[in-house]
Amino acid sequence: MEYFLKNLLTISCFILVAICFTAHANPGSWIPEKRKILEVIVEGGEGGEAIIYFEGGLPAAYIPSSCSASPNNTVYLNNDRGRSIYSLVLAAYLAGKPVTVALSCNGSIPVINHIRF
């Protein structure tokens, strides 16, 4: 019985470690290190959009595969969520504080879904 429990514990540890490593390199998950915002561009059109550029770009491993690895990280300004993210982007940019983000895709365009200081 003791042998079985040791093996079960060992296997469980290996599975837990494997899950942790895959979660840290998962497209669409949080970028692991904070980056400063270099530039913010607001474009017109229906509702408008903001394009955000980060110092050093964002790691390709965290950009969902359906997106191009474009440096144009977009925030759509046609809804409350997008305007809230844009407000945090501006606050971080003006304060010079780095942020971390999580992305999704709209076609081949990387879209910022989440942001934190």
PDB file of N, CA and C in Angstrom:
ATOM      1  N   MET A   1       0.830  -1.190   0.000  1.00  0.00           N
ATOM      2  CA  MET A   1       0.000   0.000   0.000  1.00  0.00           C
ATOM      3  C   MET A   1       0.880   1.261   0.000  1.00  0.00           C
ATOM      4  N   GLU A   2       1.945   1.245   0.802  1.00  0.00           N
ATOM      5  CA  GLU A   2       2.832   2.408   0.888  1.00  0.00           C
ATOM      6  C   GLU A   2       3.507   2.675  -0.462  1.00  0.00           C
ATOM      7  N   TYR A   3       3.899   1.616  -1.161  1.00  0.00           N
ATOM      8  CA  TYR A   3       4.503   1.737  -2.486  1.00  0.00           C
ATOM      9  C   TYR A   3       3.535   2.393  -3.464  1.00  0.00           C
ATOM     10  N   PHE A   4       2.278   1.982  -3.419  1.00  0.00           N
ATOM     11  CA  PHE A   4       1.250   2.540  -4.294  1.00  0.00           C
ATOM     12  C   PHE A   4       1.059   4.037  -4.021  1.00  0.00           C
ATOM     13  N   LEU A   5       1.017   4.436  -2.767  1.00  0.00           N
ATOM     14  CA  LEU A   5       0.826   5.840  -2.401  1.00  0.00           C
ATOM     15  C   LEU A   5       2.017   6.695  -2.846  1.00  0.00           C
ATOM     16  N   LYS A   6       3.241   6.163  -2.718  1.00  0.00           N
ATOM     17  CA  LYS A   6       4.422   6.892  -3.178  1.00  0.00           C
ATOM     18  C   LYS A   6       4.370   7.113  -4.685  1.00  0.00           C
ATOM     19  N   ASN A   7       4.009   6.076  -5.429  1.00  0.00           N
ATOM     20  CA  ASN A   7       3.898   6.204  -6.886  1.00  0.00           C
ATOM     21  C   ASN A   7       2.801   7.181  -7.271  1.00  0.00           C
ATOM     22  N   LEU A   8       1.688   7.114  -6.586  1.00  0.00           N
ATOM     23  CA  LEU A   8       0.579   8.018  -6.861  1.00  0.00           C
ATOM     24  C   LEU A   8       0.988   9.465  -6.585  1.00  0.00           C
ATOM     25  N   LEU A   9       1.685   9.696  -5.507  1.00  0.00           N
ATOM     26  CA  LEU A   9       2.164  11.036  -5.160  1.00  0.00           C
ATOM     27  C   LEU A   9       3.179  11.534  -6.193  1.00  0.00           C
ATOM     28  N   THR A  10       4.080  10.680  -6.627  1.00  0.00           N
ATOM     29  CA  THR A  10       5.081  11.051  -7.632  1.00  0.00           C
ATOM     30  C   THR A  10       4.415  11.413  -8.955  1.00  0.00           C
ATOM     31  N   ILE A  11       3.499  10.605  -9.398  1.00  0.00           N
ATOM     32  CA  ILE A  11       2.793  10.867 -10.654  1.00  0.00           C
ATOM     33  C   ILE A  11       1.986  12.158 -10.553  1.00  0.00           C
ATOM     34  N   SER A  12       1.336  12.367  -9.421  1.00  0.00           N
ATOM     35  CA  SER A  12       0.563  13.598  -9.220  1.00  0.00           C
ATOM     36  C   SER A  12       1.457  14.829  -9.291  1.00  0.00           C
ATOM     37  N   CYS A  13       2.647  14.745  -8.712  1.00  0.00           N
ATOM     38  CA  CYS A  13       3.594  15.868  -8.762  1.00  0.00           C
ATOM     39  C   CYS A  13       4.018  16.163 -10.197  1.00  0.00           C
ATOM     40  N   PHE A  14       4.313  15.125 -10.968  1.00  0.00           N
ATOM     41  CA  PHE A  14       4.693  15.326 -12.368  1.00  0.00           C
ATOM     42  C   PHE A  14       3.564  15.975 -13.167  1.00  0.00           C
ATOM     43  N   ILE A  15       2.347  15.541 -12.942  1.00  0.00           N
ATOM     44  CA  ILE A  15       1.197  16.122 -13.649  1.00  0.00           C
ATOM     45  C   ILE A  15       1.022  17.583 -13.265  1.00  0.00           C
ATOM     46  N   LEU A  16       1.148  17.903 -11.997  1.00  0.00           N
ATOM     47  CA  LEU A  16       1.012  19.281 -11.533  1.00  0.00           C
ATOM     48  C   LEU A  16       2.078  20.182 -12.151  1.00  0.00           C
ATOM     49  N   VAL A  17       3.310  19.720 -12.201  1.00  0.00           N
ATOM     50  CA  VAL A  17       4.399  20.492 -12.816  1.00  0.00           C
ATOM     51  C   VAL A  17       4.126  20.700 -14.302  1.00  0.00           C
ATOM     52  N   ALA A  18       3.669  19.677 -14.991  1.00  0.00           N
ATOM     53  CA  ALA A  18       3.371  19.793 -16.423  1.00  0.00           C
ATOM     54  C   ALA A  18       2.259  20.810 -16.663  1.00  0.00           C
ATOM     55  N   ILE A  19       1.243  20.802 -15.833  1.00  0.00           N
ATOM     56  CA  ILE A  19       0.151  21.773 -15.971  1.00  0.00           C
ATOM     57  C   ILE A  19       0.665  23.187 -15.743  1.00  0.00           C
ATOM     58  N   CYS A  20       1.514  23.389 -14.755  1.00  0.00           N
ATOM     59  CA  CYS A  20       2.058  24.724 -14.468  1.00  0.00           C
ATOM     60  C   CYS A  20       2.876  25.244 -15.639  1.00  0.00           C
ATOM     61  N   PHE A  21       3.695  24.400 -16.242  1.00  0.00           N
ATOM     62  CA  PHE A  21       4.528  24.852 -17.360  1.00  0.00           C
ATOM     63  C   PHE A  21       3.695  25.173 -18.586  1.00  0.00           C
ATOM     64  N   THR A  22       2.664  24.400 -18.868  1.00  0.00           N
ATOM     65  CA  THR A  22       1.841  24.706 -20.032  1.00  0.00           C
ATOM     66  C   THR A  22       1.012  25.957 -19.803  1.00  0.00           C
ATOM     67  N   ALA A  23       0.632  26.239 -18.579  1.00  0.00           N
ATOM     68  CA  ALA A  23      -0.155  27.444 -18.302  1.00  0.00           C
ATOM     69  C   ALA A  23       0.681  28.695 -18.501  1.00  0.00           C
ATOM     70  N   HIS A  24       1.997  28.606 -18.334  1.00  0.00           N
ATOM     71  CA  HIS A  24       2.852  29.778 -18.469  1.00  0.00           C
ATOM     72  C   HIS A  24       3.264  30.056 -19.905  1.00  0.00           C
ATOM     73  N   ALA A  25       2.949  29.196 -20.833  1.00  0.00           N
ATOM     74  CA  ALA A  25       3.282  29.434 -22.238  1.00  0.00           C
ATOM     75  C   ALA A  25       2.042  29.219 -23.097  1.00  0.00           C
ATOM     76  N   ASN A  26       0.925  29.650 -22.575  1.00  0.00           N
ATOM     77  CA  ASN A  26      -0.341  29.397 -23.241  1.00  0.00           C
ATOM     78  C   ASN A  26      -0.808  30.642 -23.974  1.00  0.00           C
ATOM     79  N   PRO A  27      -0.953  30.579 -25.299  1.00  0.00           N
ATOM     80  CA  PRO A  27      -1.465  31.739 -26.030  1.00  0.00           C
ATOM     81  C   PRO A  27      -2.808  32.187 -25.469  1.00  0.00           C
ATOM     82  N   GLY A  28      -2.948  33.478 -25.289  1.00  0.00           N
ATOM     83  CA  GLY A  28      -4.173  34.027 -24.730  1.00  0.00           C
ATOM     84  C   GLY A  28      -4.130  34.187 -23.230  1.00  0.00           C
ATOM     85  N   SER A  29      -3.083  33.662 -22.574  1.00  0.00           N
ATOM     86  CA  SER A  29      -2.969  33.838 -21.130  1.00  0.00           C
ATOM     87  C   SER A  29      -2.166  35.111 -20.843  1.00  0.00           C
ATOM     88  N   TRP A  30      -2.047  35.456 -19.582  1.00  0.00           N
ATOM     89  CA  TRP A  30      -1.340  36.678 -19.186  1.00  0.00           C
ATOM     90  C   TRP A  30       0.117  36.637 -19.636  1.00  0.00           C
ATOM     91  N   ILE A  31       0.595  37.743 -20.175  1.00  0.00           N
ATOM     92  CA  ILE A  31       2.012  37.896 -20.503  1.00  0.00           C
ATOM     93  C   ILE A  31       2.760  37.848 -19.173  1.00  0.00           C
ATOM     94  N   PRO A  32       3.829  37.058 -19.043  1.00  0.00           N
ATOM     95  CA  PRO A  32       4.434  36.842 -17.730  1.00  0.00           C
ATOM     96  C   PRO A  32       5.150  38.058 -17.134  1.00  0.00           C
ATOM     97  N   GLU A  33       5.680  38.925 -17.963  1.00  0.00           N
ATOM     98  CA  GLU A  33       6.398  40.077 -17.405  1.00  0.00           C
ATOM     99  C   GLU A  33       5.731  41.368 -17.865  1.00  0.00           C
ATOM    100  N   LYS A  34       5.769  42.348 -17.001  1.00  0.00           N
ATOM    101  CA  LYS A  34       5.145  43.628 -17.322  1.00  0.00           C
ATOM    102  C   LYS A  34       5.993  44.377 -18.348  1.00  0.00           C
ATOM    103  N   ARG A  35       5.310  45.096 -19.234  1.00  0.00           N
ATOM    104  CA  ARG A  35       5.975  45.888 -20.277  1.00  0.00           C
ATOM    105  C   ARG A  35       5.456  47.318 -20.241  1.00  0.00           C
ATOM    106  N   LYS A  36       6.351  48.270 -20.511  1.00  0.00           N
ATOM    107  CA  LYS A  36       5.928  49.661 -20.611  1.00  0.00           C
ATOM    108  C   LYS A  36       5.261  49.904 -21.958  1.00  0.00           C
ATOM    109  N   ILE A  37       4.322  50.827 -21.950  1.00  0.00           N
ATOM    110  CA  ILE A  37       3.627  51.206 -23.177  1.00  0.00           C
ATOM    111  C   ILE A  37       4.444  52.300 -23.846  1.00  0.00           C
ATOM    112  N   LEU A  38       4.828  52.065 -25.090  1.00  0.00           N
ATOM    113  CA  LEU A  38       5.642  53.033 -25.834  1.00  0.00           C
ATOM    114  C   LEU A  38       4.808  54.089 -26.538  1.00  0.00           C
ATOM    115  N   GLU A  39       3.690  53.661 -27.113  1.00  0.00           N
ATOM    116  CA  GLU A  39       2.916  54.576 -27.937  1.00  0.00           C
ATOM    117  C   GLU A  39       1.454  54.135 -27.954  1.00  0.00           C
ATOM    118  N   VAL A  40       0.570  55.123 -28.028  1.00  0.00           N
ATOM    119  CA  VAL A  40      -0.866  54.883 -28.129  1.00  0.00           C
ATOM    120  C   VAL A  40      -1.366  55.685 -29.320  1.00  0.00           C
ATOM    121  N   ILE A  41      -2.021  55.007 -30.257  1.00  0.00           N
ATOM    122  CA  ILE A  41      -2.575  55.677 -31.440  1.00  0.00           C
ATOM    123  C   ILE A  41      -4.077  55.410 -31.447  1.00  0.00           C
ATOM    124  N   VAL A  42      -4.863  56.471 -31.586  1.00  0.00           N
ATOM    125  CA  VAL A  42      -6.309  56.321 -31.692  1.00  0.00           C
ATOM    126  C   VAL A  42      -6.703  56.603 -33.125  1.00  0.00           C
ATOM    127  N   GLU A  43      -7.455  55.663 -33.721  1.00  0.00           N
ATOM    128  CA  GLU A  43      -7.900  55.797 -35.101  1.00  0.00           C
ATOM    129  C   GLU A  43      -9.412  55.942 -35.128  1.00  0.00           C
ATOM    130  N   GLY A  44      -9.907  56.595 -36.160  1.00  0.00           N
ATOM    131  CA  GLY A  44     -11.343  56.824 -36.306  1.00  0.00           C
ATOM    132  C   GLY A  44     -12.062  55.603 -36.786  1.00  0.00           C
ATOM    133  N   GLY A  45     -13.161  55.811 -37.434  1.00  0.00           N
ATOM    134  CA  GLY A  45     -13.975  54.702 -37.901  1.00  0.00           C
ATOM    135  C   GLY A  45     -15.150  54.508 -36.967  1.00  0.00           C
ATOM    136  N   GLU A  46     -15.936  53.494 -37.221  1.00  0.00           N
ATOM    137  CA  GLU A  46     -17.117  53.207 -36.421  1.00  0.00           C
ATOM    138  C   GLU A  46     -16.719  52.850 -34.995  1.00  0.00           C
ATOM    139  N   GLY A  47     -16.916  53.736 -34.061  1.00  0.00           N
ATOM    140  CA  GLY A  47     -16.573  53.492 -32.661  1.00  0.00           C
ATOM    141  C   GLY A  47     -15.114  53.739 -32.337  1.00  0.00           C
ATOM    142  N   GLY A  48     -14.248  53.668 -33.319  1.00  0.00           N
ATOM    143  CA  GLY A  48     -12.828  53.916 -33.112  1.00  0.00           C
ATOM    144  C   GLY A  48     -12.095  52.745 -32.487  1.00  0.00           C
ATOM    145  N   GLU A  49     -10.802  52.841 -32.542  1.00  0.00           N
ATOM    146  CA  GLU A  49      -9.943  51.831 -31.920  1.00  0.00           C
ATOM    147  C   GLU A  49      -8.636  52.482 -31.521  1.00  0.00           C
ATOM    148  N   ALA A  50      -8.015  51.909 -30.514  1.00  0.00           N
ATOM    149  CA  ALA A  50      -6.706  52.360 -30.069  1.00  0.00           C
ATOM    150  C   ALA A  50      -5.708  51.251 -30.374  1.00  0.00           C
ATOM    151  N   ILE A  51      -4.552  51.636 -30.883  1.00  0.00           N
ATOM    152  CA  ILE A  51      -3.484  50.682 -31.156  1.00  0.00           C
ATOM    153  C   ILE A  51      -2.381  50.958 -30.150  1.00  0.00           C
ATOM    154  N   ILE A  52      -1.965  49.931 -29.451  1.00  0.00           N
ATOM    155  CA  ILE A  52      -1.015  50.048 -28.350  1.00  0.00           C
ATOM    156  C   ILE A  52       0.277  49.337 -28.728  1.00  0.00           C
ATOM    157  N   TYR A  53       1.400  50.042 -28.559  1.00  0.00           N
ATOM    158  CA  TYR A  53       2.722  49.460 -28.803  1.00  0.00           C
ATOM    159  C   TYR A  53       3.450  49.328 -27.470  1.00  0.00           C
ATOM    160  N   PHE A  54       4.062  48.161 -27.248  1.00  0.00           N
ATOM    161  CA  PHE A  54       4.761  47.878 -26.002  1.00  0.00           C
ATOM    162  C   PHE A  54       6.271  47.863 -26.215  1.00  0.00           C
ATOM    163  N   GLU A  55       6.992  48.277 -25.193  1.00  0.00           N
ATOM    164  CA  GLU A  55       8.451  48.245 -25.214  1.00  0.00           C
ATOM    165  C   GLU A  55       8.912  46.797 -25.388  1.00  0.00           C
ATOM    166  N   GLY A  56       9.664  46.530 -26.431  1.00  0.00           N
ATOM    167  CA  GLY A  56      10.152  45.178 -26.691  1.00  0.00           C
ATOM    168  C   GLY A  56       9.118  44.259 -27.323  1.00  0.00           C
ATOM    169  N   GLY A  57       7.923  44.764 -27.608  1.00  0.00           N
ATOM    170  CA  GLY A  57       6.864  43.925 -28.165  1.00  0.00           C
ATOM    171  C   GLY A  57       6.357  42.924 -27.142  1.00  0.00           C
ATOM    172  N   LEU A  58       5.468  42.081 -27.568  1.00  0.00           N
ATOM    173  CA  LEU A  58       4.930  41.037 -26.691  1.00  0.00           C
ATOM    174  C   LEU A  58       5.442  39.680 -27.159  1.00  0.00           C
ATOM    175  N   PRO A  59       5.718  38.760 -26.232  1.00  0.00           N
ATOM    176  CA  PRO A  59       6.242  37.451 -26.619  1.00  0.00           C
ATOM    177  C   PRO A  59       5.272  36.691 -27.525  1.00  0.00           C
ATOM    178  N   ALA A  60       5.773  36.174 -28.618  1.00  0.00           N
ATOM    179  CA  ALA A  60       4.953  35.467 -29.598  1.00  0.00           C
ATOM    180  C   ALA A  60       4.254  34.249 -28.992  1.00  0.00           C
ATOM    181  N   ALA A  61       4.839  33.641 -27.975  1.00  0.00           N
ATOM    182  CA  ALA A  61       4.243  32.455 -27.350  1.00  0.00           C
ATOM    183  C   ALA A  61       2.921  32.767 -26.661  1.00  0.00           C
ATOM    184  N   TYR A  62       2.645  34.033 -26.401  1.00  0.00           N
ATOM    185  CA  TYR A  62       1.415  34.422 -25.707  1.00  0.00           C
ATOM    186  C   TYR A  62       0.387  35.054 -26.636  1.00  0.00           C
ATOM    187  N   ILE A  63       0.705  35.140 -27.916  1.00  0.00           N
ATOM    188  CA  ILE A  63      -0.231  35.660 -28.901  1.00  0.00           C
ATOM    189  C   ILE A  63      -0.952  34.465 -29.511  1.00  0.00           C
ATOM    190  N   PRO A  64      -2.289  34.431 -29.465  1.00  0.00           N
ATOM    191  CA  PRO A  64      -3.015  33.289 -30.029  1.00  0.00           C
ATOM    192  C   PRO A  64      -2.608  33.035 -31.488  1.00  0.00           C
ATOM    193  N   SER A  65      -2.573  31.772 -31.872  1.00  0.00           N
ATOM    194  CA  SER A  65      -2.049  31.382 -33.182  1.00  0.00           C
ATOM    195  C   SER A  65      -2.863  31.924 -34.346  1.00  0.00           C
ATOM    196  N   SER A  66      -4.131  32.236 -34.148  1.00  0.00           N
ATOM    197  CA  SER A  66      -4.927  32.773 -35.250  1.00  0.00           C
ATOM    198  C   SER A  66      -4.612  34.239 -35.536  1.00  0.00           C
ATOM    199  N   CYS A  67      -3.869  34.887 -34.632  1.00  0.00           N
ATOM    200  CA  CYS A  67      -3.433  36.272 -34.853  1.00  0.00           C
ATOM    201  C   CYS A  67      -2.087  36.263 -35.561  1.00  0.00           C
ATOM    202  N   SER A  68      -1.828  37.333 -36.266  1.00  0.00           N
ATOM    203  CA  SER A  68      -0.459  37.518 -36.748  1.00  0.00           C
ATOM    204  C   SER A  68       0.336  38.050 -35.568  1.00  0.00           C
ATOM    205  N   ALA A  69       1.627  37.858 -35.574  1.00  0.00           N
ATOM    206  CA  ALA A  69       2.469  38.373 -34.494  1.00  0.00           C
ATOM    207  C   ALA A  69       2.722  39.862 -34.724  1.00  0.00           C
ATOM    208  N   SER A  70       1.655  40.592 -34.877  1.00  0.00           N
ATOM    209  CA  SER A  70       1.715  42.018 -35.173  1.00  0.00           C
ATOM    210  C   SER A  70       1.992  42.818 -33.906  1.00  0.00           C
ATOM    211  N   PRO A  71       2.742  43.901 -34.008  1.00  0.00           N
ATOM    212  CA  PRO A  71       2.936  44.761 -32.844  1.00  0.00           C
ATOM    213  C   PRO A  71       1.719  45.643 -32.576  1.00  0.00           C
ATOM    214  N   ASN A  72       0.725  45.603 -33.483  1.00  0.00           N
ATOM    215  CA  ASN A  72      -0.480  46.432 -33.354  1.00  0.00           C
ATOM    216  C   ASN A  72      -1.489  45.757 -32.435  1.00  0.00           C
ATOM    217  N   ASN A  73      -1.372  45.993 -31.148  1.00  0.00           N
ATOM    218  CA  ASN A  73      -2.300  45.426 -30.178  1.00  0.00           C
ATOM    219  C   ASN A  73      -3.467  46.387 -30.051  1.00  0.00           C
ATOM    220  N   THR A  74      -4.658  45.900 -30.352  1.00  0.00           N
ATOM    221  CA  THR A  74      -5.818  46.762 -30.533  1.00  0.00           C
ATOM    222  C   THR A  74      -6.757  46.727 -29.332  1.00  0.00           C
ATOM    223  N   VAL A  75      -7.368  47.874 -29.062  1.00  0.00           N
ATOM    224  CA  VAL A  75      -8.460  47.997 -28.102  1.00  0.00           C
ATOM    225  C   VAL A  75      -9.600  48.676 -28.851  1.00  0.00           C
ATOM    226  N   TYR A  76     -10.747  48.007 -28.933  1.00  0.00           N
ATOM    227  CA  TYR A  76     -11.906  48.601 -29.611  1.00  0.00           C
ATOM    228  C   TYR A  76     -12.627  49.526 -28.643  1.00  0.00           C
ATOM    229  N   LEU A  77     -12.959  50.717 -29.090  1.00  0.00           N
ATOM    230  CA  LEU A  77     -13.536  51.739 -28.228  1.00  0.00           C
ATOM    231  C   LEU A  77     -15.051  51.857 -28.378  1.00  0.00           C
ATOM    232  N   ASN A  78     -15.686  50.869 -28.984  1.00  0.00           N
ATOM    233  CA  ASN A  78     -17.123  50.949 -29.226  1.00  0.00           C
ATOM    234  C   ASN A  78     -17.961  50.307 -28.127  1.00  0.00           C
ATOM    235  N   ASN A  79     -17.329  49.930 -27.002  1.00  0.00           N
ATOM    236  CA  ASN A  79     -18.095  49.362 -25.888  1.00  0.00           C
ATOM    237  C   ASN A  79     -17.433  49.765 -24.564  1.00  0.00           C
ATOM    238  N   ASP A  80     -18.145  49.556 -23.467  1.00  0.00           N
ATOM    239  CA  ASP A  80     -17.649  49.968 -22.149  1.00  0.00           C
ATOM    240  C   ASP A  80     -16.372  49.242 -21.758  1.00  0.00           C
ATOM    241  N   ARG A  81     -16.289  47.968 -22.068  1.00  0.00           N
ATOM    242  CA  ARG A  81     -15.085  47.202 -21.709  1.00  0.00           C
ATOM    243  C   ARG A  81     -13.848  47.770 -22.415  1.00  0.00           C
ATOM    244  N   GLY A  82     -13.965  48.017 -23.715  1.00  0.00           N
ATOM    245  CA  GLY A  82     -12.846  48.584 -24.467  1.00  0.00           C
ATOM    246  C   GLY A  82     -12.439  49.947 -23.953  1.00  0.00           C
ATOM    247  N   ARG A  83     -13.429  50.792 -23.634  1.00  0.00           N
ATOM    248  CA  ARG A  83     -13.116  52.121 -23.102  1.00  0.00           C
ATOM    249  C   ARG A  83     -12.472  52.027 -21.723  1.00  0.00           C
ATOM    250  N   SER A  84     -12.867  51.030 -20.920  1.00  0.00           N
ATOM    251  CA  SER A  84     -12.240  50.829 -19.604  1.00  0.00           C
ATOM    252  C   SER A  84     -10.786  50.404 -19.755  1.00  0.00           C
ATOM    253  N   ILE A  85     -10.527  49.474 -20.666  1.00  0.00           N
ATOM    254  CA  ILE A  85      -9.147  49.035 -20.924  1.00  0.00           C
ATOM    255  C   ILE A  85      -8.326  50.221 -21.432  1.00  0.00           C
ATOM    256  N   TYR A  86      -8.900  51.003 -22.321  1.00  0.00           N
ATOM    257  CA  TYR A  86      -8.214  52.183 -22.859  1.00  0.00           C
ATOM    258  C   TYR A  86      -7.878  53.175 -21.746  1.00  0.00           C
ATOM    259  N   SER A  87      -8.772  53.356 -20.795  1.00  0.00           N
ATOM    260  CA  SER A  87      -8.507  54.254 -19.657  1.00  0.00           C
ATOM    261  C   SER A  87      -7.307  53.769 -18.845  1.00  0.00           C
ATOM    262  N   LEU A  88      -7.243  52.459 -18.610  1.00  0.00           N
ATOM    263  CA  LEU A  88      -6.106  51.906 -17.869  1.00  0.00           C
ATOM    264  C   LEU A  88      -4.811  52.027 -18.668  1.00  0.00           C
ATOM    265  N   VAL A  89      -4.910  51.847 -19.990  1.00  0.00           N
ATOM    266  CA  VAL A  89      -3.740  52.017 -20.862  1.00  0.00           C
ATOM    267  C   VAL A  89      -3.209  53.440 -20.739  1.00  0.00           C
ATOM    268  N   LEU A  90      -4.098  54.412 -20.820  1.00  0.00           N
ATOM    269  CA  LEU A  90      -3.676  55.810 -20.717  1.00  0.00           C
ATOM    270  C   LEU A  90      -3.080  56.130 -19.349  1.00  0.00           C
ATOM    271  N   ALA A  91      -3.703  55.618 -18.293  1.00  0.00           N
ATOM    272  CA  ALA A  91      -3.181  55.852 -16.949  1.00  0.00           C
ATOM    273  C   ALA A  91      -1.771  55.277 -16.801  1.00  0.00           C
ATOM    274  N   ALA A  92      -1.577  54.053 -17.289  1.00  0.00           N
ATOM    275  CA  ALA A  92      -0.253  53.420 -17.201  1.00  0.00           C
ATOM    276  C   ALA A  92       0.771  54.166 -18.052  1.00  0.00           C
ATOM    277  N   TYR A  93       0.356  54.576 -19.236  1.00  0.00           N
ATOM    278  CA  TYR A  93       1.256  55.300 -20.142  1.00  0.00           C
ATOM    279  C   TYR A  93       1.698  56.626 -19.524  1.00  0.00           C
ATOM    280  N   LEU A  94       0.740  57.399 -18.997  1.00  0.00           N
ATOM    281  CA  LEU A  94       1.065  58.702 -18.415  1.00  0.00           C
ATOM    282  C   LEU A  94       1.888  58.572 -17.136  1.00  0.00           C
ATOM    283  N   ALA A  95       1.654  57.495 -16.363  1.00  0.00           N
ATOM    284  CA  ALA A  95       2.410  57.282 -15.128  1.00  0.00           C
ATOM    285  C   ALA A  95       3.744  56.592 -15.373  1.00  0.00           C
ATOM    286  N   GLY A  96       3.949  56.100 -16.586  1.00  0.00           N
ATOM    287  CA  GLY A  96       5.191  55.377 -16.883  1.00  0.00           C
ATOM    288  C   GLY A  96       5.257  54.015 -16.218  1.00  0.00           C
ATOM    289  N   LYS A  97       4.109  53.450 -15.875  1.00  0.00           N
ATOM    290  CA  LYS A  97       4.054  52.153 -15.196  1.00  0.00           C
ATOM    291  C   LYS A  97       3.918  51.017 -16.202  1.00  0.00           C
ATOM    292  N   PRO A  98       4.639  49.932 -16.011  1.00  0.00           N
ATOM    293  CA  PRO A  98       4.478  48.779 -16.900  1.00  0.00           C
ATOM    294  C   PRO A  98       3.195  48.019 -16.576  1.00  0.00           C
ATOM    295  N   VAL A  99       2.680  47.325 -17.565  1.00  0.00           N
ATOM    296  CA  VAL A  99       1.463  46.529 -17.411  1.00  0.00           C
ATOM    297  C   VAL A  99       1.685  45.143 -18.002  1.00  0.00           C
ATOM    298  N   THR A 100       0.789  44.258 -17.687  1.00  0.00           N
ATOM    299  CA  THR A 100       0.743  42.965 -18.342  1.00  0.00           C
ATOM    300  C   THR A 100      -0.656  42.808 -18.930  1.00  0.00           C
ATOM    301  N   VAL A 101      -0.749  42.082 -20.029  1.00  0.00           N
ATOM    302  CA  VAL A 101      -2.012  41.949 -20.754  1.00  0.00           C
ATOM    303  C   VAL A 101      -2.249  40.496 -21.135  1.00  0.00           C
ATOM    304  N   ALA A 102      -3.487  40.214 -21.528  1.00  0.00           N
ATOM    305  CA  ALA A 102      -3.851  38.947 -22.143  1.00  0.00           C
ATOM    306  C   ALA A 102      -4.577  39.290 -23.443  1.00  0.00           C
ATOM    307  N   LEU A 103      -4.278  38.537 -24.485  1.00  0.00           N
ATOM    308  CA  LEU A 103      -4.787  38.843 -25.822  1.00  0.00           C
ATOM    309  C   LEU A 103      -5.759  37.793 -26.332  1.00  0.00           C
ATOM    310  N   SER A 104      -6.616  38.236 -27.241  1.00  0.00           N
ATOM    311  CA  SER A 104      -7.426  37.337 -28.065  1.00  0.00           C
ATOM    312  C   SER A 104      -7.248  37.828 -29.496  1.00  0.00           C
ATOM    313  N   CYS A 105      -7.996  37.267 -30.417  1.00  0.00           N
ATOM    314  CA  CYS A 105      -7.884  37.683 -31.820  1.00  0.00           C
ATOM    315  C   CYS A 105      -9.226  38.102 -32.364  1.00  0.00           C
ATOM    316  N   ASN A 106      -9.189  39.061 -33.253  1.00  0.00           N
ATOM    317  CA  ASN A 106     -10.333  39.409 -34.076  1.00  0.00           C
ATOM    318  C   ASN A 106      -9.834  39.277 -35.505  1.00  0.00           C
ATOM    319  N   GLY A 107     -10.078  38.130 -36.118  1.00  0.00           N
ATOM    320  CA  GLY A 107      -9.447  37.824 -37.395  1.00  0.00           C
ATOM    321  C   GLY A 107      -7.970  37.602 -37.142  1.00  0.00           C
ATOM    322  N   SER A 108      -7.121  38.392 -37.773  1.00  0.00           N
ATOM    323  CA  SER A 108      -5.672  38.261 -37.541  1.00  0.00           C
ATOM    324  C   SER A 108      -5.137  39.389 -36.663  1.00  0.00           C
ATOM    325  N   ILE A 109      -6.038  40.162 -36.043  1.00  0.00           N
ATOM    326  CA  ILE A 109      -5.633  41.318 -35.236  1.00  0.00           C
ATOM    327  C   ILE A 109      -5.580  40.931 -33.765  1.00  0.00           C
ATOM    328  N   PRO A 110      -4.418  41.127 -33.088  1.00  0.00           N
ATOM    329  CA  PRO A 110      -4.354  40.893 -31.650  1.00  0.00           C
ATOM    330  C   PRO A 110      -5.179  41.954 -30.912  1.00  0.00           C
ATOM    331  N   VAL A 111      -6.044  41.504 -30.015  1.00  0.00           N
ATOM    332  CA  VAL A 111      -6.922  42.390 -29.252  1.00  0.00           C
ATOM    333  C   VAL A 111      -6.625  42.218 -27.772  1.00  0.00           C
ATOM    334  N   ILE A 112      -6.430  43.331 -27.066  1.00  0.00           N
ATOM    335  CA  ILE A 112      -6.179  43.287 -25.631  1.00  0.00           C
ATOM    336  C   ILE A 112      -7.525  43.022 -24.930  1.00  0.00           C
ATOM    337  N   ASN A 113      -7.604  41.884 -24.252  1.00  0.00           N
ATOM    338  CA  ASN A 113      -8.813  41.495 -23.514  1.00  0.00           C
ATOM    339  C   ASN A 113      -8.749  41.853 -22.043  1.00  0.00           C
ATOM    340  N   HIS A 114      -7.544  41.787 -21.478  1.00  0.00           N
ATOM    341  CA  HIS A 114      -7.350  42.019 -20.048  1.00  0.00           C
ATOM    342  C   HIS A 114      -6.078  42.844 -19.871  1.00  0.00           C
ATOM    343  N   ILE A 115      -6.067  43.658 -18.824  1.00  0.00           N
ATOM    344  CA  ILE A 115      -4.882  44.459 -18.524  1.00  0.00           C
ATOM    345  C   ILE A 115      -4.780  44.601 -17.007  1.00  0.00           C
ATOM    346  N   ARG A 116      -3.551  44.595 -16.501  1.00  0.00           N
ATOM    347  CA  ARG A 116      -3.350  44.830 -15.064  1.00  0.00           C
ATOM    348  C   ARG A 116      -2.030  45.552 -14.856  1.00  0.00           C
ATOM    349  N   PHE A 117      -1.979  46.333 -13.772  1.00  0.00           N
ATOM    350  CA  PHE A 117      -0.759  47.066 -13.408  1.00  0.00           C
ATOM    351  C   PHE A 117       0.178  46.154 -12.663  1.00  0.00           C
TER     352      PHE A 117
END
